[in-house]
Amino acid sequence: MYEWQQEQRRAWKWRRWREDAAEGFWIGTVLAVRFLTVAVMLGVSCGIAWRVAQIVAAALGG
């Protein structure tokens, strides 16, 4: 195999690795953002439910 072919192949492998790494980074970022969004929504929902429960308990308990 010629030297320039090896060099071209090495460059292609490196470019491919960089593209895969970038794609993996973006997939990870999207998943993290979705997870955080769901966590925040659950937290808000639980906070609202807790507040409603306190109000109802105060109303019933006097």
PDB file of N, CA and C in Angstrom:
ATOM      1  N   MET A   1       0.849  -1.184   0.000  1.00  0.00           N
ATOM      2  CA  MET A   1       0.000   0.000   0.000  1.00  0.00           C
ATOM      3  C   MET A   1       0.894   1.246   0.000  1.00  0.00           C
ATOM      4  N   TYR A   2       0.509   2.197  -0.782  1.00  0.00           N
ATOM      5  CA  TYR A   2       1.312   3.411  -0.900  1.00  0.00           C
ATOM      6  C   TYR A   2       1.162   4.280   0.338  1.00  0.00           C
ATOM      7  N   GLU A   3       2.154   5.156   0.501  1.00  0.00           N
ATOM      8  CA  GLU A   3       2.153   6.051   1.664  1.00  0.00           C
ATOM      9  C   GLU A   3       0.941   6.987   1.667  1.00  0.00           C
ATOM     10  N   TRP A   4       0.610   7.545   0.501  1.00  0.00           N
ATOM     11  CA  TRP A   4      -0.502   8.493   0.449  1.00  0.00           C
ATOM     12  C   TRP A   4      -1.839   7.796   0.709  1.00  0.00           C
ATOM     13  N   GLN A   5      -1.927   6.505   0.340  1.00  0.00           N
ATOM     14  CA  GLN A   5      -3.151   5.759   0.624  1.00  0.00           C
ATOM     15  C   GLN A   5      -3.314   5.548   2.125  1.00  0.00           C
ATOM     16  N   GLN A   6      -2.197   5.229   2.779  1.00  0.00           N
ATOM     17  CA  GLN A   6      -2.256   5.063   4.232  1.00  0.00           C
ATOM     18  C   GLN A   6      -2.642   6.374   4.909  1.00  0.00           C
ATOM     19  N   GLU A   7      -2.057   7.465   4.417  1.00  0.00           N
ATOM     20  CA  GLU A   7      -2.359   8.775   4.988  1.00  0.00           C
ATOM     21  C   GLU A   7      -3.828   9.131   4.794  1.00  0.00           C
ATOM     22  N   GLN A   8      -4.337   8.866   3.603  1.00  0.00           N
ATOM     23  CA  GLN A   8      -5.743   9.150   3.297  1.00  0.00           C
ATOM     24  C   GLN A   8      -6.662   8.304   4.190  1.00  0.00           C
ATOM     25  N   ARG A   9      -6.294   7.059   4.361  1.00  0.00           N
ATOM     26  CA  ARG A   9      -7.089   6.157   5.189  1.00  0.00           C
ATOM     27  C   ARG A   9      -7.097   6.605   6.651  1.00  0.00           C
ATOM     28  N   ARG A  10      -5.903   7.020   7.120  1.00  0.00           N
ATOM     29  CA  ARG A  10      -5.786   7.500   8.489  1.00  0.00           C
ATOM     30  C   ARG A  10      -6.648   8.750   8.684  1.00  0.00           C
ATOM     31  N   ALA A  11      -6.604   9.658   7.726  1.00  0.00           N
ATOM     32  CA  ALA A  11      -7.402  10.881   7.810  1.00  0.00           C
ATOM     33  C   ALA A  11      -8.894  10.539   7.797  1.00  0.00           C
ATOM     34  N   TRP A  12      -9.285   9.573   6.977  1.00  0.00           N
ATOM     35  CA  TRP A  12     -10.697   9.183   6.909  1.00  0.00           C
ATOM     36  C   TRP A  12     -11.160   8.592   8.239  1.00  0.00           C
ATOM     37  N   LYS A  13     -10.309   7.733   8.822  1.00  0.00           N
ATOM     38  CA  LYS A  13     -10.671   7.131  10.117  1.00  0.00           C
ATOM     39  C   LYS A  13     -10.824   8.208  11.185  1.00  0.00           C
ATOM     40  N   TRP A  14      -9.895   9.177  11.195  1.00  0.00           N
ATOM     41  CA  TRP A  14      -9.940  10.247  12.185  1.00  0.00           C
ATOM     42  C   TRP A  14     -11.187  11.098  11.998  1.00  0.00           C
ATOM     43  N   ARG A  15     -11.510  11.424  10.730  1.00  0.00           N
ATOM     44  CA  ARG A  15     -12.704  12.231  10.452  1.00  0.00           C
ATOM     45  C   ARG A  15     -13.960  11.470  10.872  1.00  0.00           C
ATOM     46  N   ARG A  16     -13.963  10.192  10.571  1.00  0.00           N
ATOM     47  CA  ARG A  16     -15.113   9.363  10.947  1.00  0.00           C
ATOM     48  C   ARG A  16     -15.280   9.307  12.460  1.00  0.00           C
ATOM     49  N   TRP A  17     -14.166   9.165  13.175  1.00  0.00           N
ATOM     50  CA  TRP A  17     -14.209   9.113  14.637  1.00  0.00           C
ATOM     51  C   TRP A  17     -14.726  10.420  15.198  1.00  0.00           C
ATOM     52  N   ARG A  18     -14.253  11.538  14.625  1.00  0.00           N
ATOM     53  CA  ARG A  18     -14.707  12.849  15.099  1.00  0.00           C
ATOM     54  C   ARG A  18     -16.194  13.038  14.847  1.00  0.00           C
ATOM     55  N   GLU A  19     -16.677  12.614  13.689  1.00  0.00           N
ATOM     56  CA  GLU A  19     -18.105  12.742  13.377  1.00  0.00           C
ATOM     57  C   GLU A  19     -18.941  11.892  14.337  1.00  0.00           C
ATOM     58  N   ASP A  20     -18.475  10.673  14.595  1.00  0.00           N
ATOM     59  CA  ASP A  20     -19.201   9.798  15.530  1.00  0.00           C
ATOM     60  C   ASP A  20     -19.217  10.400  16.932  1.00  0.00           C
ATOM     61  N   ALA A  21     -18.080  10.947  17.347  1.00  0.00           N
ATOM     62  CA  ALA A  21     -18.000  11.540  18.677  1.00  0.00           C
ATOM     63  C   ALA A  21     -18.933  12.741  18.782  1.00  0.00           C
ATOM     64  N   ALA A  22     -18.963  13.570  17.739  1.00  0.00           N
ATOM     65  CA  ALA A  22     -19.842  14.742  17.750  1.00  0.00           C
ATOM     66  C   ALA A  22     -21.305  14.314  17.788  1.00  0.00           C
ATOM     67  N   GLU A  23     -21.636  13.299  16.999  1.00  0.00           N
ATOM     68  CA  GLU A  23     -23.017  12.805  16.978  1.00  0.00           C
ATOM     69  C   GLU A  23     -23.400  12.239  18.341  1.00  0.00           C
ATOM     70  N   GLY A  24     -22.512  11.473  18.929  1.00  0.00           N
ATOM     71  CA  GLY A  24     -22.770  10.920  20.260  1.00  0.00           C
ATOM     72  C   GLY A  24     -22.941  12.010  21.302  1.00  0.00           C
ATOM     73  N   PHE A  25     -22.124  13.073  21.171  1.00  0.00           N
ATOM     74  CA  PHE A  25     -22.237  14.202  22.102  1.00  0.00           C
ATOM     75  C   PHE A  25     -23.610  14.843  22.001  1.00  0.00           C
ATOM     76  N   TRP A  26     -24.083  15.072  20.769  1.00  0.00           N
ATOM     77  CA  TRP A  26     -25.382  15.720  20.603  1.00  0.00           C
ATOM     78  C   TRP A  26     -26.514  14.822  21.073  1.00  0.00           C
ATOM     79  N   ILE A  27     -26.418  13.521  20.815  1.00  0.00           N
ATOM     80  CA  ILE A  27     -27.447  12.595  21.297  1.00  0.00           C
ATOM     81  C   ILE A  27     -27.485  12.620  22.822  1.00  0.00           C
ATOM     82  N   GLY A  28     -26.312  12.589  23.443  1.00  0.00           N
ATOM     83  CA  GLY A  28     -26.238  12.648  24.907  1.00  0.00           C
ATOM     84  C   GLY A  28     -26.810  13.939  25.456  1.00  0.00           C
ATOM     85  N   THR A  29     -26.519  15.045  24.770  1.00  0.00           N
ATOM     86  CA  THR A  29     -27.041  16.342  25.208  1.00  0.00           C
ATOM     87  C   THR A  29     -28.561  16.371  25.133  1.00  0.00           C
ATOM     88  N   VAL A  30     -29.102  15.879  24.015  1.00  0.00           N
ATOM     89  CA  VAL A  30     -30.562  15.864  23.847  1.00  0.00           C
ATOM     90  C   VAL A  30     -31.206  14.992  24.923  1.00  0.00           C
ATOM     91  N   LEU A  31     -30.625  13.822  25.178  1.00  0.00           N
ATOM     92  CA  LEU A  31     -31.194  12.942  26.200  1.00  0.00           C
ATOM     93  C   LEU A  31     -31.120  13.585  27.583  1.00  0.00           C
ATOM     94  N   ALA A  32     -30.010  14.250  27.871  1.00  0.00           N
ATOM     95  CA  ALA A  32     -29.870  14.906  29.175  1.00  0.00           C
ATOM     96  C   ALA A  32     -30.900  16.019  29.328  1.00  0.00           C
ATOM     97  N   VAL A  33     -31.094  16.808  28.276  1.00  0.00           N
ATOM     98  CA  VAL A  33     -32.080  17.889  28.340  1.00  0.00           C
ATOM     99  C   VAL A  33     -33.485  17.326  28.525  1.00  0.00           C
ATOM    100  N   ARG A  34     -33.787  16.244  27.807  1.00  0.00           N
ATOM    101  CA  ARG A  34     -35.117  15.631  27.971  1.00  0.00           C
ATOM    102  C   ARG A  34     -35.299  15.103  29.391  1.00  0.00           C
ATOM    103  N   PHE A  35     -34.267  14.447  29.913  1.00  0.00           N
ATOM    104  CA  PHE A  35     -34.344  13.913  31.270  1.00  0.00           C
ATOM    105  C   PHE A  35     -34.553  15.034  32.276  1.00  0.00           C
ATOM    106  N   LEU A  36     -33.790  16.120  32.131  1.00  0.00           N
ATOM    107  CA  LEU A  36     -33.936  17.251  33.054  1.00  0.00           C
ATOM    108  C   LEU A  36     -35.315  17.888  32.931  1.00  0.00           C
ATOM    109  N   THR A  37     -35.813  17.970  31.696  1.00  0.00           N
ATOM    110  CA  THR A  37     -37.150  18.537  31.494  1.00  0.00           C
ATOM    111  C   THR A  37     -38.197  17.700  32.211  1.00  0.00           C
ATOM    112  N   VAL A  38     -38.120  16.388  32.054  1.00  0.00           N
ATOM    113  CA  VAL A  38     -39.073  15.491  32.727  1.00  0.00           C
ATOM    114  C   VAL A  38     -38.922  15.602  34.241  1.00  0.00           C
ATOM    115  N   ALA A  39     -37.680  15.680  34.716  1.00  0.00           N
ATOM    116  CA  ALA A  39     -37.453  15.792  36.157  1.00  0.00           C
ATOM    117  C   ALA A  39     -38.049  17.081  36.706  1.00  0.00           C
ATOM    118  N   VAL A  40     -37.865  18.184  35.982  1.00  0.00           N
ATOM    119  CA  VAL A  40     -38.427  19.465  36.423  1.00  0.00           C
ATOM    120  C   VAL A  40     -39.946  19.409  36.414  1.00  0.00           C
ATOM    121  N   MET A  41     -40.515  18.828  35.358  1.00  0.00           N
ATOM    122  CA  MET A  41     -41.973  18.724  35.281  1.00  0.00           C
ATOM    123  C   MET A  41     -42.516  17.886  36.432  1.00  0.00           C
ATOM    124  N   LEU A  42     -41.841  16.780  36.727  1.00  0.00           N
ATOM    125  CA  LEU A  42     -42.291  15.941  37.850  1.00  0.00           C
ATOM    126  C   LEU A  42     -42.161  16.694  39.166  1.00  0.00           C
ATOM    127  N   GLY A  43     -41.061  17.413  39.312  1.00  0.00           N
ATOM    128  CA  GLY A  43     -40.863  18.184  40.535  1.00  0.00           C
ATOM    129  C   GLY A  43     -41.940  19.240  40.717  1.00  0.00           C
ATOM    130  N   VAL A  44     -42.261  19.942  39.641  1.00  0.00           N
ATOM    131  CA  VAL A  44     -43.314  20.960  39.710  1.00  0.00           C
ATOM    132  C   VAL A  44     -44.657  20.310  40.026  1.00  0.00           C
ATOM    133  N   SER A  45     -44.932  19.187  39.354  1.00  0.00           N
ATOM    134  CA  SER A  45     -46.205  18.498  39.601  1.00  0.00           C
ATOM    135  C   SER A  45     -46.306  18.038  41.052  1.00  0.00           C
ATOM    136  N   CYS A  46     -45.221  17.481  41.567  1.00  0.00           N
ATOM    137  CA  CYS A  46     -45.230  17.024  42.965  1.00  0.00           C
ATOM    138  C   CYS A  46     -45.369  18.210  43.916  1.00  0.00           C
ATOM    139  N   GLY A  47     -44.709  19.320  43.577  1.00  0.00           N
ATOM    140  CA  GLY A  47     -44.818  20.509  44.416  1.00  0.00           C
ATOM    141  C   GLY A  47     -46.244  21.039  44.446  1.00  0.00           C
ATOM    142  N   ILE A  48     -46.887  21.079  43.283  1.00  0.00           N
ATOM    143  CA  ILE A  48     -48.277  21.541  43.212  1.00  0.00           C
ATOM    144  C   ILE A  48     -49.186  20.594  43.992  1.00  0.00           C
ATOM    145  N   ALA A  49     -48.991  19.285  43.791  1.00  0.00           N
ATOM    146  CA  ALA A  49     -49.818  18.299  44.497  1.00  0.00           C
ATOM    147  C   ALA A  49     -49.621  18.420  46.008  1.00  0.00           C
ATOM    148  N   TRP A  50     -48.385  18.631  46.447  1.00  0.00           N
ATOM    149  CA  TRP A  50     -48.096  18.774  47.873  1.00  0.00           C
ATOM    150  C   TRP A  50     -48.783  20.013  48.437  1.00  0.00           C
ATOM    151  N   ARG A  51     -48.739  21.110  47.672  1.00  0.00           N
ATOM    152  CA  ARG A  51     -49.371  22.356  48.118  1.00  0.00           C
ATOM    153  C   ARG A  51     -50.896  22.181  48.204  1.00  0.00           C
ATOM    154  N   VAL A  52     -51.483  21.540  47.183  1.00  0.00           N
ATOM    155  CA  VAL A  52     -52.935  21.290  47.186  1.00  0.00           C
ATOM    156  C   VAL A  52     -53.310  20.406  48.381  1.00  0.00           C
ATOM    157  N   ALA A  53     -52.501  19.392  48.636  1.00  0.00           N
ATOM    158  CA  ALA A  53     -52.774  18.504  49.769  1.00  0.00           C
ATOM    159  C   ALA A  53     -52.720  19.275  51.086  1.00  0.00           C
ATOM    160  N   GLN A  54     -51.778  20.203  51.232  1.00  0.00           N
ATOM    161  CA  GLN A  54     -51.686  21.009  52.443  1.00  0.00           C
ATOM    162  C   GLN A  54     -52.918  21.894  52.598  1.00  0.00           C
ATOM    163  N   ILE A  55     -53.359  22.490  51.483  1.00  0.00           N
ATOM    164  CA  ILE A  55     -54.545  23.359  51.529  1.00  0.00           C
ATOM    165  C   ILE A  55     -55.786  22.561  51.917  1.00  0.00           C
ATOM    166  N   VAL A  56     -55.935  21.377  51.291  1.00  0.00           N
ATOM    167  CA  VAL A  56     -57.092  20.526  51.601  1.00  0.00           C
ATOM    168  C   VAL A  56     -57.038  20.065  53.050  1.00  0.00           C
ATOM    169  N   ALA A  57     -55.866  19.685  53.517  1.00  0.00           N
ATOM    170  CA  ALA A  57     -55.734  19.237  54.900  1.00  0.00           C
ATOM    171  C   ALA A  57     -56.051  20.373  55.865  1.00  0.00           C
ATOM    172  N   ALA A  58     -55.600  21.578  55.526  1.00  0.00           N
ATOM    173  CA  ALA A  58     -55.887  22.728  56.392  1.00  0.00           C
ATOM    174  C   ALA A  58     -57.388  23.033  56.397  1.00  0.00           C
ATOM    175  N   ALA A  59     -58.024  22.895  55.241  1.00  0.00           N
ATOM    176  CA  ALA A  59     -59.463  23.176  55.150  1.00  0.00           C
ATOM    177  C   ALA A  59     -60.267  22.133  55.921  1.00  0.00           C
ATOM    178  N   LEU A  60     -59.860  20.885  55.804  1.00  0.00           N
ATOM    179  CA  LEU A  60     -60.601  19.818  56.489  1.00  0.00           C
ATOM    180  C   LEU A  60     -60.292  19.791  57.978  1.00  0.00           C
ATOM    181  N   GLY A  61     -59.026  20.039  58.296  1.00  0.00           N
ATOM    182  CA  GLY A  61     -58.622  19.951  59.701  1.00  0.00           C
ATOM    183  C   GLY A  61     -59.041  21.178  60.496  1.00  0.00           C
ATOM    184  N   GLY A  62     -59.339  22.253  59.820  1.00  0.00           N
ATOM    185  CA  GLY A  62     -59.749  23.459  60.521  1.00  0.00           C
ATOM    186  C   GLY A  62     -58.550  24.250  60.809  1.00  0.00           C
TER     187      GLY A  62
END
